[in-house]
Amino acid sequence: MALNKDQRQAVLKKHQRSTLDTGSSEVQVALLTSRINDITKHFITHKKDFHGRRGLIGMVNRRRKLLDYLKRTNVEKYSALIKELDLRK
């Protein structure tokens, strides 16, 4: 379920502000989004995995809180990130 090293590096490279940035809000949201997308594929075949679903809901809530923070502090980066990750319809 977790991202392997190559996937994580690709997400970091795409969303980081500088070469040493691994914890900014944009990076955290991008990493959570990729993990959420992977786990939702798991739930297509394992419909009764309620314990895993609880972890998924926790990740979605953490991403929502980070997006709320980003929206409060920097609306331009928030809107760019939403568009890039295709989170809103």
N, C-alpha and C. Protein backbone atom coordinates (compact mmCIF):
# COMPACT_ATOMS: atom_id res chain seq x y z
N MET A 1 0.81 -1.19 0.00
CA MET A 1 0.00 0.00 0.00
C MET A 1 0.86 1.26 0.00
N ALA A 2 1.96 1.22 0.70
CA ALA A 2 2.80 2.41 0.77
C ALA A 2 3.50 2.65 -0.56
N LEU A 3 3.89 3.87 -0.77
CA LEU A 3 4.61 4.22 -1.99
C LEU A 3 6.03 3.68 -1.90
N ASN A 4 6.54 3.16 -3.01
CA ASN A 4 7.93 2.75 -2.99
C ASN A 4 8.81 3.98 -3.19
N LYS A 5 10.11 3.77 -3.08
CA LYS A 5 11.05 4.89 -3.07
C LYS A 5 11.01 5.68 -4.37
N ASP A 6 10.89 5.00 -5.50
CA ASP A 6 10.88 5.69 -6.79
C ASP A 6 9.62 6.53 -6.97
N GLN A 7 8.47 6.00 -6.55
CA GLN A 7 7.23 6.76 -6.66
C GLN A 7 7.28 8.00 -5.77
N ARG A 8 7.80 7.82 -4.56
CA ARG A 8 7.89 8.94 -3.62
C ARG A 8 8.81 10.04 -4.16
N GLN A 9 9.94 9.64 -4.71
CA GLN A 9 10.87 10.62 -5.27
C GLN A 9 10.26 11.37 -6.45
N ALA A 10 9.48 10.68 -7.27
CA ALA A 10 8.83 11.33 -8.41
C ALA A 10 7.84 12.38 -7.93
N VAL A 11 7.06 12.05 -6.90
CA VAL A 11 6.09 13.01 -6.37
C VAL A 11 6.81 14.19 -5.73
N LEU A 12 7.87 13.89 -4.98
CA LEU A 12 8.65 14.96 -4.35
C LEU A 12 9.24 15.91 -5.39
N LYS A 13 9.82 15.34 -6.43
CA LYS A 13 10.46 16.16 -7.46
C LYS A 13 9.46 17.07 -8.16
N LYS A 14 8.25 16.58 -8.33
CA LYS A 14 7.24 17.34 -9.05
C LYS A 14 6.66 18.48 -8.22
N HIS A 15 6.58 18.32 -6.89
CA HIS A 15 5.84 19.28 -6.07
C HIS A 15 6.68 20.07 -5.07
N GLN A 16 7.97 19.79 -4.94
CA GLN A 16 8.74 20.48 -3.92
C GLN A 16 9.13 21.89 -4.37
N ARG A 17 9.29 22.77 -3.39
CA ARG A 17 9.65 24.16 -3.66
C ARG A 17 11.14 24.29 -3.96
N SER A 18 11.97 23.57 -3.19
CA SER A 18 13.41 23.57 -3.42
C SER A 18 13.89 22.12 -3.35
N THR A 19 15.18 21.91 -3.53
CA THR A 19 15.69 20.55 -3.56
C THR A 19 15.62 19.85 -2.21
N LEU A 20 15.61 20.61 -1.12
CA LEU A 20 15.57 20.01 0.21
C LEU A 20 14.16 19.99 0.80
N ASP A 21 13.17 20.44 0.07
CA ASP A 21 11.81 20.52 0.58
C ASP A 21 11.14 19.16 0.53
N THR A 22 10.84 18.60 1.71
CA THR A 22 10.12 17.33 1.77
C THR A 22 8.89 17.42 2.66
N GLY A 23 8.64 18.55 3.29
CA GLY A 23 7.55 18.62 4.24
C GLY A 23 6.60 19.77 4.06
N SER A 24 6.68 20.48 2.95
CA SER A 24 5.76 21.59 2.75
C SER A 24 4.35 21.05 2.54
N SER A 25 3.38 21.91 2.67
CA SER A 25 1.99 21.49 2.54
C SER A 25 1.70 20.91 1.17
N GLU A 26 2.28 21.50 0.14
CA GLU A 26 2.04 21.00 -1.22
C GLU A 26 2.55 19.57 -1.38
N VAL A 27 3.73 19.31 -0.84
CA VAL A 27 4.33 17.98 -0.95
C VAL A 27 3.51 16.97 -0.15
N GLN A 28 3.10 17.35 1.05
CA GLN A 28 2.32 16.44 1.88
C GLN A 28 0.99 16.09 1.22
N VAL A 29 0.33 17.08 0.64
CA VAL A 29 -0.95 16.84 -0.03
C VAL A 29 -0.73 15.92 -1.24
N ALA A 30 0.33 16.15 -2.00
CA ALA A 30 0.60 15.32 -3.18
C ALA A 30 0.89 13.87 -2.78
N LEU A 31 1.67 13.68 -1.71
CA LEU A 31 1.96 12.32 -1.25
C LEU A 31 0.71 11.62 -0.74
N LEU A 32 -0.10 12.34 0.01
CA LEU A 32 -1.35 11.75 0.50
C LEU A 32 -2.28 11.40 -0.65
N THR A 33 -2.33 12.25 -1.66
CA THR A 33 -3.21 11.99 -2.80
C THR A 33 -2.78 10.74 -3.54
N SER A 34 -1.48 10.55 -3.72
CA SER A 34 -1.03 9.35 -4.42
C SER A 34 -1.31 8.10 -3.60
N ARG A 35 -1.15 8.17 -2.27
CA ARG A 35 -1.48 7.03 -1.42
C ARG A 35 -2.98 6.74 -1.43
N ILE A 36 -3.79 7.79 -1.39
CA ILE A 36 -5.24 7.62 -1.42
C ILE A 36 -5.67 6.97 -2.72
N ASN A 37 -5.09 7.40 -3.83
CA ASN A 37 -5.44 6.80 -5.12
C ASN A 37 -5.07 5.33 -5.18
N ASP A 38 -3.92 4.96 -4.60
CA ASP A 38 -3.52 3.55 -4.59
C ASP A 38 -4.46 2.72 -3.72
N ILE A 39 -4.84 3.25 -2.57
CA ILE A 39 -5.69 2.49 -1.66
C ILE A 39 -7.10 2.34 -2.21
N THR A 40 -7.59 3.32 -2.93
CA THR A 40 -8.94 3.20 -3.49
C THR A 40 -8.99 2.07 -4.52
N LYS A 41 -7.89 1.81 -5.22
CA LYS A 41 -7.84 0.66 -6.13
C LYS A 41 -7.96 -0.65 -5.35
N HIS A 42 -7.38 -0.68 -4.16
CA HIS A 42 -7.45 -1.86 -3.30
C HIS A 42 -8.90 -2.14 -2.90
N PHE A 43 -9.67 -1.10 -2.64
CA PHE A 43 -11.04 -1.29 -2.17
C PHE A 43 -11.99 -1.72 -3.26
N ILE A 44 -11.58 -1.66 -4.50
CA ILE A 44 -12.42 -2.16 -5.58
C ILE A 44 -12.54 -3.69 -5.47
N THR A 45 -11.44 -4.35 -5.13
CA THR A 45 -11.48 -5.80 -5.02
C THR A 45 -11.79 -6.28 -3.61
N HIS A 46 -11.47 -5.49 -2.59
CA HIS A 46 -11.68 -5.89 -1.20
C HIS A 46 -12.74 -4.98 -0.58
N LYS A 47 -13.99 -5.26 -0.88
CA LYS A 47 -15.09 -4.39 -0.47
C LYS A 47 -15.34 -4.41 1.03
N LYS A 48 -14.98 -5.48 1.71
CA LYS A 48 -15.28 -5.61 3.13
C LYS A 48 -14.09 -5.29 4.03
N ASP A 49 -13.08 -4.64 3.52
CA ASP A 49 -11.90 -4.27 4.31
C ASP A 49 -12.21 -2.98 5.06
N PHE A 50 -12.94 -3.11 6.16
CA PHE A 50 -13.37 -1.93 6.90
C PHE A 50 -12.25 -1.33 7.73
N HIS A 51 -11.30 -2.13 8.16
CA HIS A 51 -10.16 -1.59 8.91
C HIS A 51 -9.28 -0.73 8.02
N GLY A 52 -9.07 -1.16 6.81
CA GLY A 52 -8.31 -0.36 5.85
C GLY A 52 -9.06 0.91 5.47
N ARG A 53 -10.38 0.80 5.40
CA ARG A 53 -11.20 1.97 5.07
C ARG A 53 -11.07 3.05 6.13
N ARG A 54 -10.91 2.62 7.39
CA ARG A 54 -10.72 3.59 8.47
C ARG A 54 -9.43 4.38 8.26
N GLY A 55 -8.37 3.71 7.85
CA GLY A 55 -7.12 4.40 7.55
C GLY A 55 -7.25 5.34 6.37
N LEU A 56 -8.02 4.92 5.37
CA LEU A 56 -8.27 5.79 4.22
C LEU A 56 -8.99 7.06 4.63
N ILE A 57 -9.99 6.93 5.48
CA ILE A 57 -10.74 8.11 5.94
C ILE A 57 -9.82 9.04 6.72
N GLY A 58 -8.90 8.48 7.51
CA GLY A 58 -7.93 9.31 8.23
C GLY A 58 -7.03 10.09 7.28
N MET A 59 -6.59 9.43 6.21
CA MET A 59 -5.73 10.11 5.23
C MET A 59 -6.49 11.21 4.49
N VAL A 60 -7.74 10.95 4.16
CA VAL A 60 -8.55 11.96 3.47
C VAL A 60 -8.76 13.16 4.38
N ASN A 61 -9.02 12.91 5.67
CA ASN A 61 -9.20 14.02 6.61
C ASN A 61 -7.92 14.82 6.79
N ARG A 62 -6.76 14.13 6.84
CA ARG A 62 -5.49 14.84 6.98
C ARG A 62 -5.22 15.70 5.75
N ARG A 63 -5.53 15.17 4.57
CA ARG A 63 -5.35 15.94 3.34
C ARG A 63 -6.27 17.16 3.32
N ARG A 64 -7.52 16.97 3.78
CA ARG A 64 -8.47 18.08 3.83
C ARG A 64 -7.99 19.19 4.76
N LYS A 65 -7.42 18.81 5.91
CA LYS A 65 -6.90 19.81 6.85
C LYS A 65 -5.72 20.56 6.26
N LEU A 66 -4.83 19.85 5.57
CA LEU A 66 -3.69 20.51 4.93
C LEU A 66 -4.16 21.45 3.82
N LEU A 67 -5.17 21.04 3.06
CA LEU A 67 -5.70 21.90 2.01
C LEU A 67 -6.37 23.14 2.59
N ASP A 68 -7.07 22.98 3.72
CA ASP A 68 -7.68 24.13 4.38
C ASP A 68 -6.61 25.12 4.84
N TYR A 69 -5.51 24.60 5.40
CA TYR A 69 -4.41 25.46 5.82
C TYR A 69 -3.81 26.19 4.63
N LEU A 70 -3.60 25.48 3.54
CA LEU A 70 -3.01 26.08 2.35
C LEU A 70 -3.93 27.14 1.76
N LYS A 71 -5.22 26.91 1.82
CA LYS A 71 -6.18 27.88 1.31
C LYS A 71 -6.18 29.15 2.16
N ARG A 72 -6.01 28.98 3.48
CA ARG A 72 -5.95 30.14 4.37
C ARG A 72 -4.69 30.96 4.15
N THR A 73 -3.58 30.31 3.89
CA THR A 73 -2.30 31.02 3.84
C THR A 73 -1.92 31.48 2.44
N ASN A 74 -2.21 30.68 1.40
CA ASN A 74 -1.78 31.04 0.05
C ASN A 74 -2.79 30.49 -0.97
N VAL A 75 -3.70 31.33 -1.38
CA VAL A 75 -4.79 30.90 -2.25
C VAL A 75 -4.28 30.52 -3.64
N GLU A 76 -3.26 31.20 -4.14
CA GLU A 76 -2.75 30.90 -5.48
C GLU A 76 -2.17 29.49 -5.54
N LYS A 77 -1.35 29.14 -4.54
CA LYS A 77 -0.77 27.79 -4.52
C LYS A 77 -1.84 26.74 -4.31
N TYR A 78 -2.86 27.07 -3.51
CA TYR A 78 -3.96 26.16 -3.28
C TYR A 78 -4.69 25.85 -4.58
N SER A 79 -5.04 26.88 -5.32
CA SER A 79 -5.79 26.66 -6.56
C SER A 79 -4.94 25.93 -7.60
N ALA A 80 -3.64 26.24 -7.66
CA ALA A 80 -2.76 25.55 -8.60
C ALA A 80 -2.63 24.06 -8.24
N LEU A 81 -2.53 23.78 -6.95
CA LEU A 81 -2.39 22.39 -6.51
C LEU A 81 -3.67 21.60 -6.76
N ILE A 82 -4.81 22.21 -6.51
CA ILE A 82 -6.09 21.55 -6.75
C ILE A 82 -6.23 21.21 -8.24
N LYS A 83 -5.85 22.16 -9.07
CA LYS A 83 -5.96 21.92 -10.52
C LYS A 83 -4.97 20.84 -10.97
N GLU A 84 -3.75 20.88 -10.44
CA GLU A 84 -2.72 19.93 -10.85
C GLU A 84 -3.03 18.50 -10.41
N LEU A 85 -3.56 18.35 -9.19
CA LEU A 85 -3.87 17.01 -8.68
C LEU A 85 -5.26 16.55 -9.08
N ASP A 86 -6.02 17.42 -9.69
CA ASP A 86 -7.38 17.12 -10.16
C ASP A 86 -8.25 16.60 -9.02
N LEU A 87 -8.31 17.41 -7.95
CA LEU A 87 -9.07 17.01 -6.75
C LEU A 87 -10.53 17.44 -6.81
N ARG A 88 -10.84 18.53 -7.45
CA ARG A 88 -12.20 19.00 -7.52
C ARG A 88 -12.73 18.80 -8.93
N LYS A 89 -14.00 18.59 -9.03
CA LYS A 89 -14.60 18.39 -10.35
C LYS A 89 -15.09 19.70 -10.91
